[in-house]
């Protein structure tokens, strides 16, 4: 019986090869991608990354030698000297959202982006439109909520898992593990200082005058705020990023503000001036006490800068609450 089984297995292997079917790759790597597996038979050689936060993830693992382009940087943000040094001569293919033509011309085998981070559902650039050109898409986990409402609430795993995925895909598991352990140690140290502001009500103000654009249940800032023992007053919004009403925010009476500093115009100072003059927000505790911290975009979207941002938040809370 054993002999017969071996003969059958050999015959099947011969038929597979003769029939032209692809044999299984012993070194194939699969990672979760918005609830679906994405499989790599070999390490990607040509990577394009969208947005400053995801670029910093790639830089943290030393993937510059695989990067043939970035997108969505100069059209939105002022970069830091550190970012520019790490980027080096990697070209920017598009200052904001890339077109299909932008990406195909660079001949990448992997595009690291997300929904509303370089891609829009039903838009020109999606995993479905890239696939015929031999381009796989690694989708930012935080953004999956736009197509899959069964996602878990935000946690710091939005950063840790993302870097672990990149590490696995590019053969940098050890480096990813070391980064994550270091970040977790820093977060643990910050948590030791939360005592006197545990449970404080926090509101993140990104932009918008008629209706504020802010972070909801599935956004990275909610995870950061909750990790410090505080509460995001808009965490009941069943999305990652979205709009709410000023009346709803004021009714929650936030005690501390996170102001998103796009480093244009007056930056966070302009946002604070607007809140001071707003008919309902001027009466909230945070505005009256000018209790806030200004943070950059890449500090509030999943990326290595989240950890330092939490340290800044904790320090600002200690000095203003």
C-alpha atoms as a PDB file:
ATOM      1  CA  UNK A   1       0.000   0.000   0.000  1.00  0.00           C
ATOM      2  CA  UNK A   2       2.847   2.377   0.862  1.00  0.00           C
ATOM      3  CA  UNK A   3       4.603   1.511  -2.413  1.00  0.00           C
ATOM      4  CA  UNK A   4       1.403   2.152  -4.343  1.00  0.00           C
ATOM      5  CA  UNK A   5       0.917   5.531  -2.642  1.00  0.00           C
ATOM      6  CA  UNK A   6       4.444   6.601  -3.536  1.00  0.00           C
ATOM      7  CA  UNK A   7       3.893   5.574  -7.148  1.00  0.00           C
ATOM      8  CA  UNK A   8       0.673   7.590  -7.264  1.00  0.00           C
ATOM      9  CA  UNK A   9       2.389  10.666  -5.814  1.00  0.00           C
ATOM     10  CA  UNK A  10       5.220  10.424  -8.343  1.00  0.00           C
ATOM     11  CA  UNK A  11       2.752  10.059 -11.166  1.00  0.00           C
ATOM     12  CA  UNK A  12       0.857  13.132 -10.012  1.00  0.00           C
ATOM     13  CA  UNK A  13       4.054  15.187  -9.871  1.00  0.00           C
ATOM     14  CA  UNK A  14       5.003  14.096 -13.391  1.00  0.00           C
ATOM     15  CA  UNK A  15       1.538  14.959 -14.680  1.00  0.00           C
ATOM     16  CA  UNK A  16       1.711  18.371 -12.992  1.00  0.00           C
ATOM     17  CA  UNK A  17       5.001  19.232 -14.650  1.00  0.00           C
ATOM     18  CA  UNK A  18       4.044  17.834 -18.050  1.00  0.00           C
ATOM     19  CA  UNK A  19       0.689  19.552 -17.871  1.00  0.00           C
ATOM     20  CA  UNK A  20       2.329  22.934 -17.426  1.00  0.00           C
ATOM     21  CA  UNK A  21       0.842  23.639 -13.990  1.00  0.00           C
ATOM     22  CA  UNK A  22       2.994  25.746 -11.667  1.00  0.00           C
ATOM     23  CA  UNK A  23       4.483  23.760  -8.784  1.00  0.00           C
ATOM     24  CA  UNK A  24       4.090  25.144  -5.284  1.00  0.00           C
ATOM     25  CA  UNK A  25       6.852  27.509  -4.252  1.00  0.00           C
ATOM     26  CA  UNK A  26       8.491  26.264  -1.088  1.00  0.00           C
ATOM     27  CA  UNK A  27       9.455  29.818  -0.105  1.00  0.00           C
ATOM     28  CA  UNK A  28       6.115  31.510  -0.786  1.00  0.00           C
ATOM     29  CA  UNK A  29       5.105  34.092   1.807  1.00  0.00           C
ATOM     30  CA  UNK A  30       1.499  35.039   2.577  1.00  0.00           C
ATOM     31  CA  UNK A  31       0.300  37.904   4.766  1.00  0.00           C
ATOM     32  CA  UNK A  32      -3.160  39.199   5.633  1.00  0.00           C
ATOM     33  CA  UNK A  33      -4.341  42.023   3.391  1.00  0.00           C
ATOM     34  CA  UNK A  34      -7.681  43.564   4.411  1.00  0.00           C
ATOM     35  CA  UNK A  35      -9.024  40.162   5.403  1.00  0.00           C
ATOM     36  CA  UNK A  36      -7.640  38.363   2.348  1.00  0.00           C
ATOM     37  CA  UNK A  37      -4.264  36.677   1.838  1.00  0.00           C
ATOM     38  CA  UNK A  38      -1.673  38.229  -0.435  1.00  0.00           C
ATOM     39  CA  UNK A  39       1.047  35.815  -1.523  1.00  0.00           C
ATOM     40  CA  UNK A  40       4.577  36.458  -2.724  1.00  0.00           C
ATOM     41  CA  UNK A  41       6.592  33.743  -4.476  1.00  0.00           C
ATOM     42  CA  UNK A  42       9.710  35.872  -4.121  1.00  0.00           C
ATOM     43  CA  UNK A  43      10.759  39.053  -2.363  1.00  0.00           C
ATOM     44  CA  UNK A  44       9.471  42.165  -4.191  1.00  0.00           C
ATOM     45  CA  UNK A  45      12.285  43.958  -5.978  1.00  0.00           C
ATOM     46  CA  UNK A  46      10.580  47.204  -7.019  1.00  0.00           C
ATOM     47  CA  UNK A  47       8.462  48.936  -4.365  1.00  0.00           C
ATOM     48  CA  UNK A  48       6.425  52.131  -4.633  1.00  0.00           C
ATOM     49  CA  UNK A  49       5.116  53.620  -1.388  1.00  0.00           C
ATOM     50  CA  UNK A  50       2.362  56.201  -0.990  1.00  0.00           C
ATOM     51  CA  UNK A  51       2.345  58.878   1.695  1.00  0.00           C
ATOM     52  CA  UNK A  52       4.843  60.078   4.231  1.00  0.00           C
ATOM     53  CA  UNK A  53       3.817  57.763   7.086  1.00  0.00           C
ATOM     54  CA  UNK A  54       4.076  54.585   5.017  1.00  0.00           C
ATOM     55  CA  UNK A  55       7.368  55.756   3.539  1.00  0.00           C
ATOM     56  CA  UNK A  56       8.717  56.114   7.075  1.00  0.00           C
ATOM     57  CA  UNK A  57       7.667  52.514   7.798  1.00  0.00           C
ATOM     58  CA  UNK A  58       9.654  51.360   4.786  1.00  0.00           C
ATOM     59  CA  UNK A  59      12.629  53.502   5.816  1.00  0.00           C
ATOM     60  CA  UNK A  60      12.547  52.044   9.333  1.00  0.00           C
ATOM     61  CA  UNK A  61      13.249  48.618   7.820  1.00  0.00           C
ATOM     62  CA  UNK A  62      15.914  49.927   5.462  1.00  0.00           C
ATOM     63  CA  UNK A  63      13.940  49.206   2.295  1.00  0.00           C
ATOM     64  CA  UNK A  64      15.264  52.184   0.335  1.00  0.00           C
ATOM     65  CA  UNK A  65      17.231  49.890  -1.973  1.00  0.00           C
ATOM     66  CA  UNK A  66      13.925  48.318  -3.067  1.00  0.00           C
ATOM     67  CA  UNK A  67      12.020  51.585  -3.461  1.00  0.00           C
ATOM     68  CA  UNK A  68      11.680  52.877  -7.019  1.00  0.00           C
ATOM     69  CA  UNK A  69       9.326  55.684  -6.099  1.00  0.00           C
ATOM     70  CA  UNK A  70       7.095  57.426  -3.578  1.00  0.00           C
ATOM     71  CA  UNK A  71       3.815  59.224  -4.167  1.00  0.00           C
ATOM     72  CA  UNK A  72       1.698  61.732  -2.271  1.00  0.00           C
ATOM     73  CA  UNK A  73       4.418  63.641  -0.429  1.00  0.00           C
ATOM     74  CA  UNK A  74       5.217  67.132  -1.716  1.00  0.00           C
ATOM     75  CA  UNK A  75       1.633  67.949  -2.697  1.00  0.00           C
ATOM     76  CA  UNK A  76       0.488  67.743   0.909  1.00  0.00           C
ATOM     77  CA  UNK A  77       3.322  68.204   3.376  1.00  0.00           C
ATOM     78  CA  UNK A  78       6.564  69.872   4.278  1.00  0.00           C
ATOM     79  CA  UNK A  79       9.076  67.138   4.949  1.00  0.00           C
ATOM     80  CA  UNK A  80      11.705  67.153   7.679  1.00  0.00           C
ATOM     81  CA  UNK A  81      15.463  67.074   6.960  1.00  0.00           C
ATOM     82  CA  UNK A  82      15.558  63.576   8.482  1.00  0.00           C
ATOM     83  CA  UNK A  83      12.898  62.359   6.047  1.00  0.00           C
ATOM     84  CA  UNK A  84      14.701  63.920   3.096  1.00  0.00           C
ATOM     85  CA  UNK A  85      17.984  62.298   4.113  1.00  0.00           C
ATOM     86  CA  UNK A  86      16.373  58.866   4.442  1.00  0.00           C
ATOM     87  CA  UNK A  87      14.569  59.237   1.115  1.00  0.00           C
ATOM     88  CA  UNK A  88      17.742  60.191  -0.710  1.00  0.00           C
ATOM     89  CA  UNK A  89      17.275  60.094  -4.469  1.00  0.00           C
ATOM     90  CA  UNK A  90      14.107  58.002  -4.520  1.00  0.00           C
ATOM     91  CA  UNK A  91      11.897  59.836  -7.049  1.00  0.00           C
ATOM     92  CA  UNK A  92       8.420  61.140  -6.311  1.00  0.00           C
ATOM     93  CA  UNK A  93       6.129  59.806  -9.039  1.00  0.00           C
ATOM     94  CA  UNK A  94       3.172  62.043  -8.162  1.00  0.00           C
ATOM     95  CA  UNK A  95       2.831  64.872  -5.614  1.00  0.00           C
ATOM     96  CA  UNK A  96      -0.647  63.750  -4.542  1.00  0.00           C
ATOM     97  CA  UNK A  97      -2.652  60.712  -5.673  1.00  0.00           C
ATOM     98  CA  UNK A  98      -0.858  58.753  -8.424  1.00  0.00           C
ATOM     99  CA  UNK A  99      -2.451  57.868 -11.730  1.00  0.00           C
ATOM    100  CA  UNK A 100      -2.329  54.387 -13.185  1.00  0.00           C
ATOM    101  CA  UNK A 101       0.105  55.722 -15.763  1.00  0.00           C
ATOM    102  CA  UNK A 102       2.410  57.080 -13.021  1.00  0.00           C
ATOM    103  CA  UNK A 103       2.656  53.670 -11.401  1.00  0.00           C
ATOM    104  CA  UNK A 104       2.890  51.492 -14.501  1.00  0.00           C
ATOM    105  CA  UNK A 105       5.723  53.658 -15.848  1.00  0.00           C
ATOM    106  CA  UNK A 106       7.814  52.863 -12.746  1.00  0.00           C
ATOM    107  CA  UNK A 107       7.344  49.081 -13.249  1.00  0.00           C
ATOM    108  CA  UNK A 108       6.909  48.209  -9.560  1.00  0.00           C
ATOM    109  CA  UNK A 109       5.952  44.743  -8.435  1.00  0.00           C
ATOM    110  CA  UNK A 110       4.391  46.087  -5.197  1.00  0.00           C
ATOM    111  CA  UNK A 111       2.457  49.248  -4.315  1.00  0.00           C
ATOM    112  CA  UNK A 112       2.064  49.997  -0.586  1.00  0.00           C
ATOM    113  CA  UNK A 113      -0.939  52.278  -0.166  1.00  0.00           C
ATOM    114  CA  UNK A 114      -4.400  52.380   1.384  1.00  0.00           C
ATOM    115  CA  UNK A 115      -7.982  53.419   0.834  1.00  0.00           C
ATOM    116  CA  UNK A 116      -7.875  57.219   0.766  1.00  0.00           C
ATOM    117  CA  UNK A 117      -4.124  56.836   1.136  1.00  0.00           C
ATOM    118  CA  UNK A 118      -3.388  56.879  -2.591  1.00  0.00           C
ATOM    119  CA  UNK A 119      -6.412  54.838  -3.676  1.00  0.00           C
ATOM    120  CA  UNK A 120     -10.160  55.431  -3.778  1.00  0.00           C
ATOM    121  CA  UNK A 121     -12.800  52.689  -4.051  1.00  0.00           C
ATOM    122  CA  UNK A 122     -13.889  52.532  -7.679  1.00  0.00           C
ATOM    123  CA  UNK A 123     -11.085  54.882  -8.712  1.00  0.00           C
ATOM    124  CA  UNK A 124      -8.405  54.663 -11.367  1.00  0.00           C
ATOM    125  CA  UNK A 125      -5.822  53.101  -9.026  1.00  0.00           C
ATOM    126  CA  UNK A 126      -7.026  50.033  -7.134  1.00  0.00           C
ATOM    127  CA  UNK A 127      -5.658  46.517  -6.575  1.00  0.00           C
ATOM    128  CA  UNK A 128      -7.906  45.362  -9.440  1.00  0.00           C
ATOM    129  CA  UNK A 129      -6.605  47.923 -11.942  1.00  0.00           C
ATOM    130  CA  UNK A 130      -2.968  47.338 -10.940  1.00  0.00           C
ATOM    131  CA  UNK A 131      -3.047  43.527 -11.066  1.00  0.00           C
ATOM    132  CA  UNK A 132      -3.133  43.217 -14.903  1.00  0.00           C
ATOM    133  CA  UNK A 133       0.150  45.126 -14.952  1.00  0.00           C
ATOM    134  CA  UNK A 134       1.827  42.681 -12.594  1.00  0.00           C
ATOM    135  CA  UNK A 135       1.589  45.047  -9.607  1.00  0.00           C
ATOM    136  CA  UNK A 136       0.425  43.695  -6.259  1.00  0.00           C
ATOM    137  CA  UNK A 137      -1.068  46.037  -3.667  1.00  0.00           C
ATOM    138  CA  UNK A 138      -0.345  45.940   0.059  1.00  0.00           C
ATOM    139  CA  UNK A 139      -3.209  47.818   1.711  1.00  0.00           C
ATOM    140  CA  UNK A 140      -2.714  49.879   4.878  1.00  0.00           C
ATOM    141  CA  UNK A 141      -4.638  48.092   7.624  1.00  0.00           C
ATOM    142  CA  UNK A 142      -6.157  51.246   9.120  1.00  0.00           C
ATOM    143  CA  UNK A 143      -7.870  51.958   5.801  1.00  0.00           C
ATOM    144  CA  UNK A 144      -9.559  48.567   5.419  1.00  0.00           C
ATOM    145  CA  UNK A 145     -12.616  49.810   7.316  1.00  0.00           C
ATOM    146  CA  UNK A 146     -13.733  51.659   4.181  1.00  0.00           C
ATOM    147  CA  UNK A 147     -14.502  48.337   2.478  1.00  0.00           C
ATOM    148  CA  UNK A 148     -14.815  45.949   5.418  1.00  0.00           C
ATOM    149  CA  UNK A 149     -16.929  47.082   8.370  1.00  0.00           C
ATOM    150  CA  UNK A 150     -16.016  44.002  10.420  1.00  0.00           C
ATOM    151  CA  UNK A 151     -12.635  45.365  11.453  1.00  0.00           C
ATOM    152  CA  UNK A 152     -11.490  45.541  15.101  1.00  0.00           C
ATOM    153  CA  UNK A 153     -11.376  48.909  16.856  1.00  0.00           C
ATOM    154  CA  UNK A 154      -8.141  50.854  16.581  1.00  0.00           C
ATOM    155  CA  UNK A 155      -5.156  49.702  18.620  1.00  0.00           C
ATOM    156  CA  UNK A 156      -1.404  50.166  18.404  1.00  0.00           C
ATOM    157  CA  UNK A 157      -1.378  46.946  16.402  1.00  0.00           C
ATOM    158  CA  UNK A 158      -2.210  49.202  13.450  1.00  0.00           C
ATOM    159  CA  UNK A 159       1.471  50.136  13.609  1.00  0.00           C
ATOM    160  CA  UNK A 160       3.002  46.934  14.958  1.00  0.00           C
ATOM    161  CA  UNK A 161       1.208  44.582  12.552  1.00  0.00           C
ATOM    162  CA  UNK A 162       1.969  46.822   9.575  1.00  0.00           C
ATOM    163  CA  UNK A 163       5.703  46.777  10.211  1.00  0.00           C
ATOM    164  CA  UNK A 164       5.590  43.040  10.919  1.00  0.00           C
ATOM    165  CA  UNK A 165       3.899  42.474   7.534  1.00  0.00           C
ATOM    166  CA  UNK A 166       6.544  44.494   5.721  1.00  0.00           C
ATOM    167  CA  UNK A 167       9.253  42.648   7.602  1.00  0.00           C
ATOM    168  CA  UNK A 168       7.841  39.274   6.613  1.00  0.00           C
ATOM    169  CA  UNK A 169       7.448  40.233   2.939  1.00  0.00           C
ATOM    170  CA  UNK A 170      10.961  41.643   2.624  1.00  0.00           C
ATOM    171  CA  UNK A 171      12.815  39.116   4.774  1.00  0.00           C
ATOM    172  CA  UNK A 172      13.308  41.605   7.594  1.00  0.00           C
ATOM    173  CA  UNK A 173      11.501  39.742  10.376  1.00  0.00           C
ATOM    174  CA  UNK A 174      14.277  40.236  12.909  1.00  0.00           C
ATOM    175  CA  UNK A 175      14.535  43.954  12.213  1.00  0.00           C
ATOM    176  CA  UNK A 176      10.752  44.362  12.434  1.00  0.00           C
ATOM    177  CA  UNK A 177      10.615  42.447  15.711  1.00  0.00           C
ATOM    178  CA  UNK A 178      13.362  44.601  17.214  1.00  0.00           C
ATOM    179  CA  UNK A 179      11.580  47.806  16.178  1.00  0.00           C
ATOM    180  CA  UNK A 180       8.265  46.643  17.629  1.00  0.00           C
ATOM    181  CA  UNK A 181       9.823  45.596  20.935  1.00  0.00           C
ATOM    182  CA  UNK A 182      11.560  48.962  21.206  1.00  0.00           C
ATOM    183  CA  UNK A 183       8.325  50.843  20.515  1.00  0.00           C
ATOM    184  CA  UNK A 184       6.401  48.723  23.010  1.00  0.00           C
ATOM    185  CA  UNK A 185       9.010  49.484  25.675  1.00  0.00           C
ATOM    186  CA  UNK A 186       8.674  53.226  25.042  1.00  0.00           C
ATOM    187  CA  UNK A 187       4.878  53.036  25.205  1.00  0.00           C
ATOM    188  CA  UNK A 188       5.127  51.157  28.508  1.00  0.00           C
ATOM    189  CA  UNK A 189       7.305  53.952  29.899  1.00  0.00           C
ATOM    190  CA  UNK A 190       4.827  56.616  28.777  1.00  0.00           C
ATOM    191  CA  UNK A 191       1.934  54.722  30.350  1.00  0.00           C
ATOM    192  CA  UNK A 192       3.655  54.965  33.735  1.00  0.00           C
ATOM    193  CA  UNK A 193       3.050  58.724  33.684  1.00  0.00           C
ATOM    194  CA  UNK A 194      -0.691  58.733  32.873  1.00  0.00           C
ATOM    195  CA  UNK A 195      -2.036  58.704  36.423  1.00  0.00           C
ATOM    196  CA  UNK A 196      -3.319  62.267  36.775  1.00  0.00           C
ATOM    197  CA  UNK A 197      -4.872  62.512  33.318  1.00  0.00           C
ATOM    198  CA  UNK A 198      -6.274  59.024  32.941  1.00  0.00           C
ATOM    199  CA  UNK A 199      -9.795  59.251  31.529  1.00  0.00           C
ATOM    200  CA  UNK A 200      -9.397  62.810  30.244  1.00  0.00           C
ATOM    201  CA  UNK A 201     -11.547  63.726  27.245  1.00  0.00           C
ATOM    202  CA  UNK A 202      -9.578  64.447  24.069  1.00  0.00           C
ATOM    203  CA  UNK A 203     -10.628  65.913  20.720  1.00  0.00           C
ATOM    204  CA  UNK A 204      -8.497  65.789  17.577  1.00  0.00           C
ATOM    205  CA  UNK A 205      -9.050  68.674  15.175  1.00  0.00           C
ATOM    206  CA  UNK A 206      -7.707  67.993  11.709  1.00  0.00           C
ATOM    207  CA  UNK A 207      -9.470  70.576   9.549  1.00  0.00           C
ATOM    208  CA  UNK A 208     -12.833  71.989   8.481  1.00  0.00           C
ATOM    209  CA  UNK A 209     -14.853  74.972   9.668  1.00  0.00           C
ATOM    210  CA  UNK A 210     -18.470  74.056   8.933  1.00  0.00           C
ATOM    211  CA  UNK A 211     -17.933  70.509  10.202  1.00  0.00           C
ATOM    212  CA  UNK A 212     -14.708  69.281  11.795  1.00  0.00           C
ATOM    213  CA  UNK A 213     -12.748  66.463  10.177  1.00  0.00           C
ATOM    214  CA  UNK A 214     -11.498  64.166  12.911  1.00  0.00           C
ATOM    215  CA  UNK A 215     -10.556  60.645  14.015  1.00  0.00           C
ATOM    216  CA  UNK A 216     -13.164  57.979  14.675  1.00  0.00           C
ATOM    217  CA  UNK A 217     -13.298  54.510  16.151  1.00  0.00           C
ATOM    218  CA  UNK A 218     -10.909  52.894  13.669  1.00  0.00           C
ATOM    219  CA  UNK A 219      -8.288  55.650  13.306  1.00  0.00           C
ATOM    220  CA  UNK A 220      -4.763  55.543  14.707  1.00  0.00           C
ATOM    221  CA  UNK A 221      -5.193  58.590  16.999  1.00  0.00           C
ATOM    222  CA  UNK A 222      -7.949  56.772  18.889  1.00  0.00           C
ATOM    223  CA  UNK A 223      -5.499  53.971  19.648  1.00  0.00           C
ATOM    224  CA  UNK A 224      -2.850  56.467  20.753  1.00  0.00           C
ATOM    225  CA  UNK A 225      -5.256  58.400  22.980  1.00  0.00           C
ATOM    226  CA  UNK A 226      -6.643  55.253  24.607  1.00  0.00           C
ATOM    227  CA  UNK A 227      -3.159  53.821  25.139  1.00  0.00           C
ATOM    228  CA  UNK A 228      -2.480  56.868  27.318  1.00  0.00           C
ATOM    229  CA  UNK A 229      -5.584  56.168  29.362  1.00  0.00           C
ATOM    230  CA  UNK A 230      -7.577  59.059  27.897  1.00  0.00           C
ATOM    231  CA  UNK A 231     -10.777  59.040  25.816  1.00  0.00           C
ATOM    232  CA  UNK A 232     -11.337  60.223  22.260  1.00  0.00           C
ATOM    233  CA  UNK A 233     -14.660  62.107  22.327  1.00  0.00           C
ATOM    234  CA  UNK A 234     -15.341  61.116  18.696  1.00  0.00           C
ATOM    235  CA  UNK A 235     -14.528  57.417  19.116  1.00  0.00           C
ATOM    236  CA  UNK A 236     -18.221  56.666  18.582  1.00  0.00           C
ATOM    237  CA  UNK A 237     -17.846  57.583  14.892  1.00  0.00           C
ATOM    238  CA  UNK A 238     -18.060  54.265  13.039  1.00  0.00           C
ATOM    239  CA  UNK A 239     -15.203  55.045  10.654  1.00  0.00           C
ATOM    240  CA  UNK A 240     -11.497  55.815  10.681  1.00  0.00           C
ATOM    241  CA  UNK A 241     -11.520  59.463   9.609  1.00  0.00           C
ATOM    242  CA  UNK A 242     -14.647  61.514   8.988  1.00  0.00           C
ATOM    243  CA  UNK A 243     -16.740  64.570   9.821  1.00  0.00           C
ATOM    244  CA  UNK A 244     -18.929  65.275  12.813  1.00  0.00           C
ATOM    245  CA  UNK A 245     -20.743  68.339  14.158  1.00  0.00           C
ATOM    246  CA  UNK A 246     -19.342  71.072  16.375  1.00  0.00           C
ATOM    247  CA  UNK A 247     -22.362  70.708  18.635  1.00  0.00           C
ATOM    248  CA  UNK A 248     -21.558  67.042  19.288  1.00  0.00           C
ATOM    249  CA  UNK A 249     -17.937  67.848  20.093  1.00  0.00           C
ATOM    250  CA  UNK A 250     -18.828  70.752  22.379  1.00  0.00           C
ATOM    251  CA  UNK A 251     -21.402  68.644  24.209  1.00  0.00           C
ATOM    252  CA  UNK A 252     -18.626  66.193  25.123  1.00  0.00           C
ATOM    253  CA  UNK A 253     -16.604  69.121  26.590  1.00  0.00           C
ATOM    254  CA  UNK A 254     -13.097  67.966  25.602  1.00  0.00           C
ATOM    255  CA  UNK A 255     -10.391  68.751  28.148  1.00  0.00           C
ATOM    256  CA  UNK A 256      -7.438  68.390  25.785  1.00  0.00           C
ATOM    257  CA  UNK A 257      -6.946  69.014  22.065  1.00  0.00           C
ATOM    258  CA  UNK A 258      -4.748  67.481  19.398  1.00  0.00           C
ATOM    259  CA  UNK A 259      -4.331  69.992  16.589  1.00  0.00           C
ATOM    260  CA  UNK A 260      -3.068  68.671  13.282  1.00  0.00           C
ATOM    261  CA  UNK A 261      -0.267  70.874  12.039  1.00  0.00           C
ATOM    262  CA  UNK A 262       0.058  70.695   8.265  1.00  0.00           C
ATOM    263  CA  UNK A 263       2.852  73.271   8.557  1.00  0.00           C
ATOM    264  CA  UNK A 264       1.123  75.641   6.163  1.00  0.00           C
ATOM    265  CA  UNK A 265      -0.056  79.162   6.953  1.00  0.00           C
ATOM    266  CA  UNK A 266      -0.322  79.610  10.689  1.00  0.00           C
ATOM    267  CA  UNK A 267      -0.511  75.884  11.334  1.00  0.00           C
ATOM    268  CA  UNK A 268      -1.914  74.794  14.686  1.00  0.00           C
ATOM    269  CA  UNK A 269      -2.041  78.410  15.910  1.00  0.00           C
ATOM    270  CA  UNK A 270      -4.654  79.165  13.255  1.00  0.00           C
ATOM    271  CA  UNK A 271      -6.737  76.181  14.361  1.00  0.00           C
ATOM    272  CA  UNK A 272      -6.609  77.335  17.975  1.00  0.00           C
ATOM    273  CA  UNK A 273      -7.576  80.886  17.012  1.00  0.00           C
ATOM    274  CA  UNK A 274     -10.570  79.515  15.107  1.00  0.00           C
ATOM    275  CA  UNK A 275     -11.689  77.426  18.089  1.00  0.00           C
ATOM    276  CA  UNK A 276     -11.406  80.427  20.425  1.00  0.00           C
ATOM    277  CA  UNK A 277     -13.785  82.380  18.231  1.00  0.00           C
ATOM    278  CA  UNK A 278     -16.219  79.531  17.576  1.00  0.00           C
ATOM    279  CA  UNK A 279     -19.672  80.012  19.054  1.00  0.00           C
ATOM    280  CA  UNK A 280     -19.782  76.691  20.926  1.00  0.00           C
ATOM    281  CA  UNK A 281     -16.183  75.479  21.054  1.00  0.00           C
ATOM    282  CA  UNK A 282     -14.925  78.591  22.844  1.00  0.00           C
ATOM    283  CA  UNK A 283     -16.799  77.426  25.946  1.00  0.00           C
ATOM    284  CA  UNK A 284     -15.165  73.995  26.150  1.00  0.00           C
ATOM    285  CA  UNK A 285     -12.596  73.279  28.854  1.00  0.00           C
ATOM    286  CA  UNK A 286      -9.754  72.556  26.419  1.00  0.00           C
ATOM    287  CA  UNK A 287     -10.194  75.803  24.509  1.00  0.00           C
ATOM    288  CA  UNK A 288     -10.614  77.956  27.622  1.00  0.00           C
ATOM    289  CA  UNK A 289      -7.462  76.440  29.132  1.00  0.00           C
ATOM    290  CA  UNK A 290      -5.540  76.303  25.842  1.00  0.00           C
ATOM    291  CA  UNK A 291      -4.740  72.678  26.605  1.00  0.00           C
ATOM    292  CA  UNK A 292      -3.417  71.222  23.375  1.00  0.00           C
ATOM    293  CA  UNK A 293      -0.545  69.672  21.482  1.00  0.00           C
ATOM    294  CA  UNK A 294       0.283  70.268  17.812  1.00  0.00           C
ATOM    295  CA  UNK A 295       1.223  67.144  15.864  1.00  0.00           C
ATOM    296  CA  UNK A 296       2.102  66.522  12.238  1.00  0.00           C
ATOM    297  CA  UNK A 297       0.194  64.300   9.833  1.00  0.00           C
ATOM    298  CA  UNK A 298       2.772  61.495   9.908  1.00  0.00           C
ATOM    299  CA  UNK A 299       2.571  61.456  13.715  1.00  0.00           C
ATOM    300  CA  UNK A 300      -1.162  60.719  13.611  1.00  0.00           C
ATOM    301  CA  UNK A 301      -1.361  58.185  10.790  1.00  0.00           C
ATOM    302  CA  UNK A 302       0.134  54.700  11.217  1.00  0.00           C
ATOM    303  CA  UNK A 303       3.915  54.956  11.223  1.00  0.00           C
ATOM    304  CA  UNK A 304       7.035  55.046  13.402  1.00  0.00           C
ATOM    305  CA  UNK A 305       6.374  58.693  14.367  1.00  0.00           C
ATOM    306  CA  UNK A 306       3.343  57.556  16.410  1.00  0.00           C
ATOM    307  CA  UNK A 307       5.557  56.627  19.335  1.00  0.00           C
ATOM    308  CA  UNK A 308       7.248  60.003  19.696  1.00  0.00           C
ATOM    309  CA  UNK A 309       3.846  61.637  19.189  1.00  0.00           C
ATOM    310  CA  UNK A 310       2.487  59.751  22.192  1.00  0.00           C
ATOM    311  CA  UNK A 311       5.427  60.995  24.236  1.00  0.00           C
ATOM    312  CA  UNK A 312       4.642  64.556  23.115  1.00  0.00           C
ATOM    313  CA  UNK A 313       0.967  64.098  24.002  1.00  0.00           C
ATOM    314  CA  UNK A 314       1.850  62.849  27.464  1.00  0.00           C
ATOM    315  CA  UNK A 315       4.220  65.756  28.092  1.00  0.00           C
ATOM    316  CA  UNK A 316       1.650  68.320  26.911  1.00  0.00           C
ATOM    317  CA  UNK A 317      -1.020  66.753  29.098  1.00  0.00           C
ATOM    318  CA  UNK A 318       1.273  66.903  32.116  1.00  0.00           C
ATOM    319  CA  UNK A 319       1.955  70.591  31.546  1.00  0.00           C
ATOM    320  CA  UNK A 320      -1.602  71.736  30.778  1.00  0.00           C
ATOM    321  CA  UNK A 321      -4.023  69.511  32.694  1.00  0.00           C
END
